[in-house]
Amino acid sequence: MRVMARRRFRKVWVRAALALCVAPFLLTASLADAQTKGKGKKQKDPCDPTYVPAKGETPPTCPGVQEVPLQPSQGHASLAATPPPVQKKQPTRRVTTPARAVVNSPGFRMTRDGVTKIYLQIHGKPTVQQYATRAGVTYVLSDSRVPVTNNRHALMTQYFNTPVADARLRPYRNDVHLQIDLRAPSVPTAKLIELVKDEVVMLEVSFPAGDYYQQIPTGPMRGVPTRGRRGNSQSYSGGTPPPGARGGRTTPPSTGSPSSVLGPPAP
């Protein structure tokens, strides 16, 4: 008896599971049939252009519908002229701005006659202007850049018999400033030397020879600028900076005309 009851119980559960599996499909089919029946019963609008009247049905009168009268044919009319060919748009050329001049290879040397020369190499054709500042002189190279960071370091001139206390390149907006600080009054002369035609020139600034040893620091490591704790400020081991040392920013004035403008490269 127990075996028969178990078999019946299993049959009931199997039938219930089958009914649960088949029920969603039956429900979906019934809904689809109802939708198709509803669509079949839906009547089209007689004023719809796609509406086709049934046989024997009088065409409805819809408001706003007007008949367009057809023009009678005029026989064999001449063919219309061939339309002109469509002109293709010419490709617009992109106007590229010329690249800024590249400034590199700053250097310092002294000749046998004692003349001091500060020079640098320029790839391009910038306009060079000379400005007199409180600490010395600054040369502004317009529309230029210094891509290499090492070329912005100061040139070591403080222990030579030269009026130049410090010289370095400083980028300023789209220009490059060759900033030269002097420890003694001196009048420089500058010129552009063409190395490669229309490509590379060299700016050379010369200072006359003289006796500048009195302004050179004598003590070991005295007056040499050192970094502060955070590396943002400069302090001097001797307490006071040496004559002609960098005491602040000496950018050229924004107004006024330069003292002189260099002309075309020297032949």
Protein backbone atom coordinates (compact mmCIF):
# COMPACT_ATOMS: atom_id res chain seq x y z
CA MET A 1 0.00 0.00 0.00
CA ARG A 2 2.75 2.36 0.87
CA VAL A 3 4.44 1.71 -2.46
CA MET A 4 1.24 2.50 -4.37
CA ALA A 5 0.74 5.72 -2.41
CA ARG A 6 4.27 6.85 -3.18
CA ARG A 7 3.81 6.16 -6.90
CA ARG A 8 0.56 8.15 -6.96
CA PHE A 9 2.22 11.02 -5.08
CA ARG A 10 5.06 11.09 -7.63
CA LYS A 11 2.63 11.10 -10.56
CA VAL A 12 0.76 14.07 -9.05
CA TRP A 13 3.98 16.07 -8.63
CA VAL A 14 5.14 15.28 -12.17
CA ARG A 15 1.80 16.40 -13.64
CA ALA A 16 1.91 19.62 -11.58
CA ALA A 17 5.45 20.39 -12.79
CA LEU A 18 4.49 19.79 -16.41
CA ALA A 19 1.46 22.06 -16.03
CA LEU A 20 3.65 24.83 -14.59
CA CYS A 21 6.08 24.52 -17.50
CA VAL A 22 3.41 24.53 -20.20
CA ALA A 23 1.24 27.28 -18.68
CA PRO A 24 3.45 30.26 -19.82
CA PHE A 25 3.43 29.05 -23.44
CA LEU A 26 -0.35 28.65 -23.44
CA LEU A 27 -0.80 32.10 -21.91
CA THR A 28 1.48 33.69 -24.53
CA ALA A 29 -0.37 32.01 -27.39
CA SER A 30 -3.76 33.13 -26.07
CA LEU A 31 -2.54 36.74 -25.77
CA ALA A 32 -1.17 36.68 -29.34
CA ASP A 33 -4.50 35.37 -30.65
CA ALA A 34 -6.37 38.08 -28.80
CA GLN A 35 -4.11 40.77 -30.27
CA THR A 36 -4.53 39.44 -33.82
CA LYS A 37 -8.30 39.30 -33.38
CA GLY A 38 -8.30 42.84 -32.05
CA LYS A 39 -6.26 44.01 -35.01
CA GLY A 40 -8.60 42.32 -37.43
CA LYS A 41 -11.57 44.05 -35.96
CA LYS A 42 -9.89 47.48 -36.11
CA GLN A 43 -11.28 49.59 -38.95
CA LYS A 44 -9.10 51.81 -41.09
CA ASP A 45 -9.71 55.51 -41.36
CA PRO A 46 -11.59 56.20 -44.65
CA CYS A 47 -9.59 59.42 -45.07
CA ASP A 48 -6.30 57.51 -44.93
CA PRO A 49 -4.60 57.59 -48.39
CA THR A 50 -3.93 53.85 -48.08
CA TYR A 51 -7.62 53.07 -47.49
CA VAL A 52 -9.22 50.99 -50.25
CA PRO A 53 -13.07 51.14 -50.31
CA ALA A 54 -14.91 47.86 -50.45
CA LYS A 55 -16.88 46.74 -53.45
CA GLY A 56 -20.04 48.81 -53.77
CA GLU A 57 -18.94 51.26 -51.05
CA THR A 58 -19.23 54.93 -51.87
CA PRO A 59 -15.96 56.83 -51.39
CA PRO A 60 -16.12 59.03 -48.31
CA THR A 61 -15.85 62.81 -48.46
CA CYS A 62 -12.95 63.90 -46.33
CA PRO A 63 -12.48 67.59 -45.42
CA GLY A 64 -9.35 69.29 -46.73
CA VAL A 65 -8.86 66.88 -49.63
CA GLN A 66 -8.73 68.60 -53.03
CA GLU A 67 -8.40 67.11 -56.45
CA VAL A 68 -5.45 68.31 -58.52
CA PRO A 69 -6.37 68.75 -62.18
CA LEU A 70 -3.94 67.15 -64.58
CA GLN A 71 -2.57 69.25 -67.46
CA PRO A 72 -3.13 67.79 -70.93
CA SER A 73 -0.04 66.66 -72.76
CA GLN A 74 1.37 69.06 -75.36
CA GLY A 75 2.62 66.43 -77.74
CA HIS A 76 6.28 65.72 -78.14
CA ALA A 77 7.87 68.60 -76.26
CA SER A 78 11.59 69.26 -76.55
CA LEU A 79 13.75 67.80 -73.85
CA ALA A 80 14.95 70.09 -71.13
CA ALA A 81 18.52 71.29 -71.26
CA THR A 82 21.10 69.26 -69.42
CA PRO A 83 21.74 70.78 -66.02
CA PRO A 84 25.25 72.11 -65.47
CA PRO A 85 27.65 69.76 -63.73
CA VAL A 86 27.94 70.11 -60.01
CA GLN A 87 31.19 71.81 -59.10
CA LYS A 88 33.15 69.95 -56.51
CA LYS A 89 34.27 71.88 -53.51
CA GLN A 90 37.97 72.43 -53.50
CA PRO A 91 39.64 71.07 -50.37
CA THR A 92 40.41 73.83 -47.93
CA ARG A 93 44.04 74.10 -47.00
CA ARG A 94 44.79 74.17 -43.35
CA VAL A 95 46.69 77.25 -42.37
CA THR A 96 49.43 76.05 -40.06
CA THR A 97 51.09 78.56 -37.82
CA PRO A 98 54.87 78.57 -38.17
CA ALA A 99 56.72 76.79 -35.42
CA ARG A 100 58.46 78.89 -32.81
CA ALA A 101 62.20 79.24 -32.95
CA VAL A 102 64.19 76.81 -30.79
CA VAL A 103 66.89 78.29 -28.54
CA ASN A 104 69.62 76.02 -27.22
CA SER A 105 73.35 75.67 -26.52
CA PRO A 106 73.98 78.76 -24.37
CA GLY A 107 77.67 79.26 -23.63
CA PHE A 108 80.31 81.53 -22.13
CA ARG A 109 83.95 82.02 -23.08
CA MET A 110 86.76 84.54 -22.77
CA THR A 111 89.24 85.35 -25.51
CA ARG A 112 92.98 85.94 -25.07
CA ASP A 113 92.36 89.67 -25.20
CA GLY A 114 90.05 89.41 -22.15
CA VAL A 115 86.81 89.94 -24.10
CA THR A 116 83.78 88.18 -22.62
CA LYS A 117 81.37 86.49 -25.02
CA ILE A 118 77.94 85.07 -24.25
CA TYR A 119 76.45 83.15 -27.15
CA LEU A 120 73.54 80.85 -27.94
CA GLN A 121 72.18 78.98 -30.96
CA ILE A 122 68.78 79.68 -32.53
CA HIS A 123 66.94 77.43 -34.99
CA GLY A 124 64.63 79.87 -36.73
CA LYS A 125 64.34 83.61 -37.37
CA PRO A 126 63.27 85.42 -34.21
CA THR A 127 63.35 89.17 -33.67
CA VAL A 128 65.96 90.10 -31.05
CA GLN A 129 65.58 93.24 -28.94
CA GLN A 130 67.91 94.63 -26.28
CA TYR A 131 66.60 96.11 -23.03
CA ALA A 132 68.57 97.83 -20.26
CA THR A 133 67.57 96.60 -16.78
CA ARG A 134 68.54 97.53 -13.23
CA ALA A 135 70.96 94.60 -12.93
CA GLY A 136 72.36 94.62 -16.47
CA VAL A 137 70.90 93.90 -19.88
CA THR A 138 68.26 91.54 -21.29
CA TYR A 139 67.83 90.30 -24.85
CA VAL A 140 64.28 89.32 -25.82
CA LEU A 141 63.91 86.66 -28.53
CA SER A 142 60.34 86.90 -29.79
CA ASP A 143 58.26 83.80 -30.60
CA SER A 144 60.86 81.37 -29.27
CA ARG A 145 61.09 78.49 -26.80
CA VAL A 146 63.68 76.55 -24.79
CA PRO A 147 62.61 72.89 -24.96
CA VAL A 148 65.56 71.49 -22.94
CA THR A 149 65.46 72.32 -19.23
CA ASN A 150 69.25 72.09 -18.80
CA ASN A 151 69.67 75.04 -21.17
CA ARG A 152 67.92 77.27 -18.61
CA HIS A 153 70.63 76.91 -15.97
CA ALA A 154 72.88 79.84 -15.11
CA LEU A 155 76.31 80.11 -16.73
CA MET A 156 79.17 79.96 -14.20
CA THR A 157 80.92 83.30 -14.65
CA GLN A 158 81.35 84.61 -11.09
CA TYR A 159 85.02 83.52 -10.72
CA PHE A 160 86.34 84.93 -14.00
CA ASN A 161 87.68 88.36 -14.86
CA THR A 162 84.45 89.36 -16.57
CA PRO A 163 81.77 91.98 -15.88
CA VAL A 164 79.10 89.27 -16.17
CA ALA A 165 77.92 88.07 -12.77
CA ASP A 166 75.18 85.79 -14.05
CA ALA A 167 73.63 84.84 -17.41
CA ARG A 168 70.75 82.50 -18.12
CA LEU A 169 67.77 81.85 -20.41
CA ARG A 170 64.28 82.47 -19.06
CA PRO A 171 61.07 81.55 -20.95
CA TYR A 172 58.43 84.28 -20.67
CA ARG A 173 55.10 83.57 -22.37
CA ASN A 174 55.90 83.04 -26.07
CA ASP A 175 59.35 84.66 -25.85
CA VAL A 176 62.75 83.77 -24.45
CA HIS A 177 64.81 86.24 -22.39
CA LEU A 178 68.59 86.09 -22.28
CA GLN A 179 69.05 87.76 -18.89
CA ILE A 180 72.57 89.03 -18.13
CA ASP A 181 73.38 90.54 -14.72
CA LEU A 182 76.55 92.64 -14.39
CA ARG A 183 78.89 93.12 -11.43
CA ALA A 184 80.42 96.24 -13.00
CA PRO A 185 79.20 98.77 -15.59
CA SER A 186 79.95 97.63 -19.12
CA VAL A 187 78.52 98.36 -22.57
CA PRO A 188 77.83 95.17 -24.59
CA THR A 189 77.70 94.72 -28.35
CA ALA A 190 75.49 92.04 -29.91
CA LYS A 191 75.28 90.54 -33.38
CA LEU A 192 73.61 87.66 -35.21
CA ILE A 193 75.86 85.25 -37.07
CA GLU A 194 74.25 83.05 -39.72
CA LEU A 195 75.43 79.44 -39.40
CA VAL A 196 72.99 77.75 -41.82
CA LYS A 197 71.24 79.91 -44.39
CA ASP A 198 67.66 80.70 -43.39
CA GLU A 199 67.75 78.02 -40.68
CA VAL A 200 70.29 78.46 -37.88
CA VAL A 201 71.77 81.66 -36.46
CA MET A 202 73.91 82.42 -33.43
CA LEU A 203 73.42 85.36 -31.07
CA GLU A 204 76.74 86.61 -29.70
CA VAL A 205 76.98 89.25 -26.95
CA SER A 206 80.46 90.67 -26.30
CA PHE A 207 81.73 92.71 -23.34
CA PRO A 208 85.04 94.61 -23.50
CA ALA A 209 88.09 93.56 -21.51
CA GLY A 210 88.86 95.23 -18.19
CA ASP A 211 90.03 94.75 -14.63
CA TYR A 212 87.08 93.16 -12.86
CA TYR A 213 89.00 91.17 -10.22
CA GLN A 214 88.01 93.65 -7.51
CA GLN A 215 84.41 92.58 -7.83
CA ILE A 216 85.12 88.82 -7.77
CA PRO A 217 84.45 87.05 -4.39
CA THR A 218 87.72 85.88 -2.84
CA GLY A 219 86.72 83.67 0.11
CA PRO A 220 85.96 79.99 -0.44
CA MET A 221 82.24 79.47 -0.99
CA ARG A 222 81.58 83.07 0.01
CA GLY A 223 78.74 84.79 -1.70
CA VAL A 224 77.72 81.67 -3.65
CA PRO A 225 73.93 81.37 -3.80
CA THR A 226 72.60 78.30 -2.04
CA ARG A 227 69.15 76.78 -1.90
CA GLY A 228 66.88 77.37 1.07
CA ARG A 229 65.15 74.66 3.06
CA ARG A 230 62.40 74.19 0.53
CA GLY A 231 64.48 75.07 -2.51
CA ASN A 232 62.37 78.11 -3.38
CA SER A 233 64.49 80.95 -2.00
CA GLN A 234 68.22 81.80 -2.20
CA SER A 235 70.51 82.70 0.64
CA TYR A 236 74.19 83.67 0.69
CA SER A 237 76.82 82.13 2.90
CA GLY A 238 78.51 85.48 3.47
CA GLY A 239 75.34 87.17 4.71
CA THR A 240 75.21 89.71 1.87
CA PRO A 241 75.18 88.95 -1.85
CA PRO A 242 78.27 89.81 -3.89
CA PRO A 243 78.23 92.89 -6.11
CA GLY A 244 76.13 92.31 -9.17
CA ALA A 245 74.52 89.13 -7.82
CA ARG A 246 70.92 88.34 -8.62
CA GLY A 247 68.69 90.21 -6.24
CA GLY A 248 65.33 89.64 -7.85
CA ARG A 249 63.50 89.53 -11.11
CA THR A 250 64.85 91.82 -13.77
CA THR A 251 62.40 91.23 -16.58
CA PRO A 252 62.34 93.95 -19.23
CA PRO A 253 59.69 96.62 -18.91
CA SER A 254 56.39 95.91 -20.65
CA THR A 255 56.10 99.48 -21.94
CA GLY A 256 58.54 101.64 -23.81
CA SER A 257 60.81 100.92 -26.71
CA PRO A 258 63.97 98.79 -26.52
CA SER A 259 67.34 100.45 -26.45
CA SER A 260 68.35 98.75 -29.68
CA VAL A 261 67.06 96.19 -32.12
CA LEU A 262 69.34 93.74 -33.85
CA GLY A 263 69.12 93.76 -37.62
CA PRO A 264 69.44 90.91 -40.10
CA PRO A 265 72.12 88.26 -39.59
CA ALA A 266 75.64 89.33 -40.35
CA PRO A 267 77.07 87.96 -43.60
